[in-house]
Amino acid sequence: MGLGFTVLPHFAVDDFLKSNLIKTHPLPTLIKETIYLCHHINRPLLNRMKRMVMHVKDWM
């Protein structure tokens, strides 16, 4: 058994289909984190991953 938590943007919680099954705790200060994209240098990215990276870059 384990216990875990994650920090999600408010819109992700609002859009979660089963939001009644999760608990939220508002934070008093804004959290801002850097996002890193990593992959193996010797393995080419699959087309589906290239598409995902493109969408993430467009979103940012």
PDB file of N, CA and C in Angstrom:
ATOM      1  N   MET A   1       0.849  -1.161   0.000  1.00  0.00           N
ATOM      2  CA  MET A   1       0.000   0.000   0.000  1.00  0.00           C
ATOM      3  C   MET A   1       0.898   1.229   0.000  1.00  0.00           C
ATOM      4  N   GLY A   2       0.424   2.289  -0.613  1.00  0.00           N
ATOM      5  CA  GLY A   2       1.219   3.507  -0.656  1.00  0.00           C
ATOM      6  C   GLY A   2       0.339   4.729  -0.570  1.00  0.00           C
ATOM      7  N   LEU A   3       0.988   5.829  -0.429  1.00  0.00           N
ATOM      8  CA  LEU A   3       0.307   7.118  -0.369  1.00  0.00           C
ATOM      9  C   LEU A   3       1.029   8.039  -1.336  1.00  0.00           C
ATOM     10  N   GLY A   4       0.286   8.743  -2.150  1.00  0.00           N
ATOM     11  CA  GLY A   4       0.937   9.631  -3.106  1.00  0.00           C
ATOM     12  C   GLY A   4       0.137  10.894  -3.309  1.00  0.00           C
ATOM     13  N   PHE A   5       0.782  11.854  -3.918  1.00  0.00           N
ATOM     14  CA  PHE A   5       0.125  13.105  -4.252  1.00  0.00           C
ATOM     15  C   PHE A   5       0.768  13.651  -5.510  1.00  0.00           C
ATOM     16  N   THR A   6       0.076  14.560  -6.137  1.00  0.00           N
ATOM     17  CA  THR A   6       0.623  15.237  -7.295  1.00  0.00           C
ATOM     18  C   THR A   6       0.083  16.665  -7.314  1.00  0.00           C
ATOM     19  N   VAL A   7       0.767  17.521  -7.995  1.00  0.00           N
ATOM     20  CA  VAL A   7       0.317  18.897  -8.164  1.00  0.00           C
ATOM     21  C   VAL A   7      -0.222  19.008  -9.582  1.00  0.00           C
ATOM     22  N   LEU A   8      -1.497  19.363  -9.685  1.00  0.00           N
ATOM     23  CA  LEU A   8      -2.153  19.486 -10.987  1.00  0.00           C
ATOM     24  C   LEU A   8      -2.642  20.910 -11.195  1.00  0.00           C
ATOM     25  N   PRO A   9      -2.694  21.342 -12.446  1.00  0.00           N
ATOM     26  CA  PRO A   9      -3.319  22.633 -12.706  1.00  0.00           C
ATOM     27  C   PRO A   9      -4.819  22.533 -12.416  1.00  0.00           C
ATOM     28  N   HIS A  10      -5.392  23.636 -12.023  1.00  0.00           N
ATOM     29  CA  HIS A  10      -6.802  23.655 -11.638  1.00  0.00           C
ATOM     30  C   HIS A  10      -7.700  23.124 -12.750  1.00  0.00           C
ATOM     31  N   PHE A  11      -7.399  23.473 -14.017  1.00  0.00           N
ATOM     32  CA  PHE A  11      -8.248  23.023 -15.119  1.00  0.00           C
ATOM     33  C   PHE A  11      -8.236  21.504 -15.256  1.00  0.00           C
ATOM     34  N   ALA A  12      -7.125  20.852 -14.909  1.00  0.00           N
ATOM     35  CA  ALA A  12      -7.064  19.390 -15.000  1.00  0.00           C
ATOM     36  C   ALA A  12      -8.001  18.742 -13.986  1.00  0.00           C
ATOM     37  N   VAL A  13      -8.068  19.311 -12.801  1.00  0.00           N
ATOM     38  CA  VAL A  13      -8.983  18.803 -11.786  1.00  0.00           C
ATOM     39  C   VAL A  13     -10.421  19.035 -12.231  1.00  0.00           C
ATOM     40  N   ASP A  14     -10.711  20.223 -12.747  1.00  0.00           N
ATOM     41  CA  ASP A  14     -12.066  20.545 -13.186  1.00  0.00           C
ATOM     42  C   ASP A  14     -12.533  19.647 -14.327  1.00  0.00           C
ATOM     43  N   ASP A  15     -11.619  19.274 -15.212  1.00  0.00           N
ATOM     44  CA  ASP A  15     -11.979  18.464 -16.378  1.00  0.00           C
ATOM     45  C   ASP A  15     -11.949  16.970 -16.111  1.00  0.00           C
ATOM     46  N   PHE A  16     -11.466  16.551 -14.943  1.00  0.00           N
ATOM     47  CA  PHE A  16     -11.382  15.133 -14.611  1.00  0.00           C
ATOM     48  C   PHE A  16     -12.790  14.559 -14.519  1.00  0.00           C
ATOM     49  N   LEU A  17     -13.061  13.481 -15.248  1.00  0.00           N
ATOM     50  CA  LEU A  17     -14.422  12.934 -15.315  1.00  0.00           C
ATOM     51  C   LEU A  17     -14.954  12.477 -13.964  1.00  0.00           C
ATOM     52  N   LYS A  18     -14.077  11.967 -13.120  1.00  0.00           N
ATOM     53  CA  LYS A  18     -14.511  11.460 -11.813  1.00  0.00           C
ATOM     54  C   LYS A  18     -13.984  12.361 -10.702  1.00  0.00           C
ATOM     55  N   SER A  19     -14.165  13.674 -10.880  1.00  0.00           N
ATOM     56  CA  SER A  19     -13.602  14.628  -9.922  1.00  0.00           C
ATOM     57  C   SER A  19     -14.155  14.437  -8.517  1.00  0.00           C
ATOM     58  N   ASN A  20     -15.308  13.799  -8.388  1.00  0.00           N
ATOM     59  CA  ASN A  20     -15.848  13.537  -7.053  1.00  0.00           C
ATOM     60  C   ASN A  20     -15.050  12.480  -6.300  1.00  0.00           C
ATOM     61  N   LEU A  21     -14.166  11.761  -6.992  1.00  0.00           N
ATOM     62  CA  LEU A  21     -13.371  10.716  -6.361  1.00  0.00           C
ATOM     63  C   LEU A  21     -12.005  11.197  -5.887  1.00  0.00           C
ATOM     64  N   ILE A  22     -11.672  12.454  -6.163  1.00  0.00           N
ATOM     65  CA  ILE A  22     -10.376  12.972  -5.725  1.00  0.00           C
ATOM     66  C   ILE A  22     -10.583  14.123  -4.753  1.00  0.00           C
ATOM     67  N   LYS A  23      -9.602  14.336  -3.929  1.00  0.00           N
ATOM     68  CA  LYS A  23      -9.631  15.434  -2.960  1.00  0.00           C
ATOM     69  C   LYS A  23      -8.615  16.480  -3.395  1.00  0.00           C
ATOM     70  N   THR A  24      -8.966  17.730  -3.223  1.00  0.00           N
ATOM     71  CA  THR A  24      -8.049  18.812  -3.573  1.00  0.00           C
ATOM     72  C   THR A  24      -7.756  19.652  -2.337  1.00  0.00           C
ATOM     73  N   HIS A  25      -6.602  20.247  -2.374  1.00  0.00           N
ATOM     74  CA  HIS A  25      -6.186  21.142  -1.296  1.00  0.00           C
ATOM     75  C   HIS A  25      -5.614  22.395  -1.941  1.00  0.00           C
ATOM     76  N   PRO A  26      -6.306  23.518  -1.849  1.00  0.00           N
ATOM     77  CA  PRO A  26      -5.784  24.743  -2.458  1.00  0.00           C
ATOM     78  C   PRO A  26      -4.498  25.194  -1.764  1.00  0.00           C
ATOM     79  N   LEU A  27      -3.567  25.639  -2.545  1.00  0.00           N
ATOM     80  CA  LEU A  27      -2.292  26.101  -2.005  1.00  0.00           C
ATOM     81  C   LEU A  27      -2.302  27.618  -1.871  1.00  0.00           C
ATOM     82  N   PRO A  28      -1.661  28.135  -0.822  1.00  0.00           N
ATOM     83  CA  PRO A  28      -1.673  29.584  -0.598  1.00  0.00           C
ATOM     84  C   PRO A  28      -0.808  30.368  -1.587  1.00  0.00           C
ATOM     85  N   THR A  29       0.146  29.688  -2.213  1.00  0.00           N
ATOM     86  CA  THR A  29       1.022  30.380  -3.165  1.00  0.00           C
ATOM     87  C   THR A  29       1.053  29.620  -4.480  1.00  0.00           C
ATOM     88  N   LEU A  30       1.292  30.348  -5.549  1.00  0.00           N
ATOM     89  CA  LEU A  30       1.376  29.774  -6.875  1.00  0.00           C
ATOM     90  C   LEU A  30       2.606  28.870  -6.979  1.00  0.00           C
ATOM     91  N   ILE A  31       2.445  27.716  -7.590  1.00  0.00           N
ATOM     92  CA  ILE A  31       3.574  26.812  -7.834  1.00  0.00           C
ATOM     93  C   ILE A  31       3.912  26.880  -9.310  1.00  0.00           C
ATOM     94  N   LYS A  32       5.172  27.070  -9.595  1.00  0.00           N
ATOM     95  CA  LYS A  32       5.631  27.161 -10.970  1.00  0.00           C
ATOM     96  C   LYS A  32       6.849  26.254 -11.104  1.00  0.00           C
ATOM     97  N   GLU A  33       6.775  25.297 -12.025  1.00  0.00           N
ATOM     98  CA  GLU A  33       7.860  24.339 -12.218  1.00  0.00           C
ATOM     99  C   GLU A  33       8.318  24.351 -13.672  1.00  0.00           C
ATOM    100  N   THR A  34       9.577  24.103 -13.876  1.00  0.00           N
ATOM    101  CA  THR A  34      10.123  23.944 -15.216  1.00  0.00           C
ATOM    102  C   THR A  34       9.780  22.549 -15.719  1.00  0.00           C
ATOM    103  N   ILE A  35       9.408  22.458 -16.991  1.00  0.00           N
ATOM    104  CA  ILE A  35       9.104  21.167 -17.604  1.00  0.00           C
ATOM    105  C   ILE A  35      10.285  20.777 -18.482  1.00  0.00           C
ATOM    106  N   TYR A  36      10.736  19.546 -18.320  1.00  0.00           N
ATOM    107  CA  TYR A  36      11.847  19.028 -19.116  1.00  0.00           C
ATOM    108  C   TYR A  36      11.362  17.909 -20.015  1.00  0.00           C
ATOM    109  N   LEU A  37      11.894  17.850 -21.217  1.00  0.00           N
ATOM    110  CA  LEU A  37      11.603  16.769 -22.136  1.00  0.00           C
ATOM    111  C   LEU A  37      12.885  15.986 -22.346  1.00  0.00           C
ATOM    112  N   CYS A  38      12.852  14.709 -22.032  1.00  0.00           N
ATOM    113  CA  CYS A  38      14.044  13.862 -22.140  1.00  0.00           C
ATOM    114  C   CYS A  38      13.715  12.611 -22.947  1.00  0.00           C
ATOM    115  N   HIS A  39      14.699  12.140 -23.661  1.00  0.00           N
ATOM    116  CA  HIS A  39      14.553  10.853 -24.346  1.00  0.00           C
ATOM    117  C   HIS A  39      15.942  10.289 -24.590  1.00  0.00           C
ATOM    118  N   HIS A  40      15.977   8.985 -24.892  1.00  0.00           N
ATOM    119  CA  HIS A  40      17.260   8.327 -25.151  1.00  0.00           C
ATOM    120  C   HIS A  40      17.863   8.876 -26.442  1.00  0.00           C
ATOM    121  N   ILE A  41      19.115   9.256 -26.376  1.00  0.00           N
ATOM    122  CA  ILE A  41      19.769   9.859 -27.541  1.00  0.00           C
ATOM    123  C   ILE A  41      19.963   8.830 -28.664  1.00  0.00           C
ATOM    124  N   ASN A  42      20.071   7.550 -28.301  1.00  0.00           N
ATOM    125  CA  ASN A  42      20.310   6.508 -29.305  1.00  0.00           C
ATOM    126  C   ASN A  42      19.032   5.886 -29.852  1.00  0.00           C
ATOM    127  N   ARG A  43      17.878   6.386 -29.416  1.00  0.00           N
ATOM    128  CA  ARG A  43      16.599   5.859 -29.899  1.00  0.00           C
ATOM    129  C   ARG A  43      15.824   6.987 -30.563  1.00  0.00           C
ATOM    130  N   PRO A  44      15.407   6.780 -31.804  1.00  0.00           N
ATOM    131  CA  PRO A  44      14.616   7.819 -32.472  1.00  0.00           C
ATOM    132  C   PRO A  44      13.223   7.912 -31.833  1.00  0.00           C
ATOM    133  N   LEU A  45      12.680   9.120 -31.833  1.00  0.00           N
ATOM    134  CA  LEU A  45      11.329   9.303 -31.309  1.00  0.00           C
ATOM    135  C   LEU A  45      10.311   8.719 -32.289  1.00  0.00           C
ATOM    136  N   LEU A  46       9.328   8.010 -31.753  1.00  0.00           N
ATOM    137  CA  LEU A  46       8.242   7.506 -32.573  1.00  0.00           C
ATOM    138  C   LEU A  46       7.386   8.685 -33.039  1.00  0.00           C
ATOM    139  N   ASN A  47       6.705   8.504 -34.149  1.00  0.00           N
ATOM    140  CA  ASN A  47       5.872   9.580 -34.690  1.00  0.00           C
ATOM    141  C   ASN A  47       4.841  10.055 -33.683  1.00  0.00           C
ATOM    142  N   ARG A  48       4.262   9.125 -32.915  1.00  0.00           N
ATOM    143  CA  ARG A  48       3.251   9.545 -31.928  1.00  0.00           C
ATOM    144  C   ARG A  48       3.876  10.411 -30.844  1.00  0.00           C
ATOM    145  N   MET A  49       5.146  10.154 -30.504  1.00  0.00           N
ATOM    146  CA  MET A  49       5.827  10.986 -29.516  1.00  0.00           C
ATOM    147  C   MET A  49       6.200  12.341 -30.104  1.00  0.00           C
ATOM    148  N   LYS A  50       6.602  12.362 -31.372  1.00  0.00           N
ATOM    149  CA  LYS A  50       6.885  13.633 -32.039  1.00  0.00           C
ATOM    150  C   LYS A  50       5.643  14.517 -32.046  1.00  0.00           C
ATOM    151  N   ARG A  51       4.496  13.903 -32.301  1.00  0.00           N
ATOM    152  CA  ARG A  51       3.238  14.653 -32.300  1.00  0.00           C
ATOM    153  C   ARG A  51       2.933  15.203 -30.913  1.00  0.00           C
ATOM    154  N   MET A  52       3.146  14.391 -29.888  1.00  0.00           N
ATOM    155  CA  MET A  52       2.908  14.838 -28.520  1.00  0.00           C
ATOM    156  C   MET A  52       3.821  16.006 -28.164  1.00  0.00           C
ATOM    157  N   VAL A  53       5.090  15.914 -28.539  1.00  0.00           N
ATOM    158  CA  VAL A  53       6.049  16.991 -28.275  1.00  0.00           C
ATOM    159  C   VAL A  53       5.606  18.263 -28.990  1.00  0.00           C
ATOM    160  N   MET A  54       5.138  18.128 -30.222  1.00  0.00           N
ATOM    161  CA  MET A  54       4.660  19.284 -30.981  1.00  0.00           C
ATOM    162  C   MET A  54       3.487  19.958 -30.259  1.00  0.00           C
ATOM    163  N   HIS A  55       2.548  19.150 -29.759  1.00  0.00           N
ATOM    164  CA  HIS A  55       1.395  19.711 -29.051  1.00  0.00           C
ATOM    165  C   HIS A  55       1.812  20.398 -27.755  1.00  0.00           C
ATOM    166  N   VAL A  56       2.746  19.820 -27.031  1.00  0.00           N
ATOM    167  CA  VAL A  56       3.225  20.429 -25.786  1.00  0.00           C
ATOM    168  C   VAL A  56       3.891  21.757 -26.087  1.00  0.00           C
ATOM    169  N   LYS A  57       4.731  21.800 -27.121  1.00  0.00           N
ATOM    170  CA  LYS A  57       5.407  23.053 -27.479  1.00  0.00           C
ATOM    171  C   LYS A  57       4.411  24.115 -27.917  1.00  0.00           C
ATOM    172  N   ASP A  58       3.366  23.714 -28.654  1.00  0.00           N
ATOM    173  CA  ASP A  58       2.331  24.667 -29.073  1.00  0.00           C
ATOM    174  C   ASP A  58       1.578  25.197 -27.868  1.00  0.00           C
ATOM    175  N   TRP A  59       1.321  24.338 -26.904  1.00  0.00           N
ATOM    176  CA  TRP A  59       0.573  24.719 -25.709  1.00  0.00           C
ATOM    177  C   TRP A  59       1.354  25.717 -24.858  1.00  0.00           C
ATOM    178  N   MET A  60       2.666  25.578 -24.856  1.00  0.00           N
ATOM    179  CA  MET A  60       3.497  26.447 -24.038  1.00  0.00           C
ATOM    180  C   MET A  60       3.711  27.741 -24.779  1.00  0.00           C
TER     181      MET A  60
END
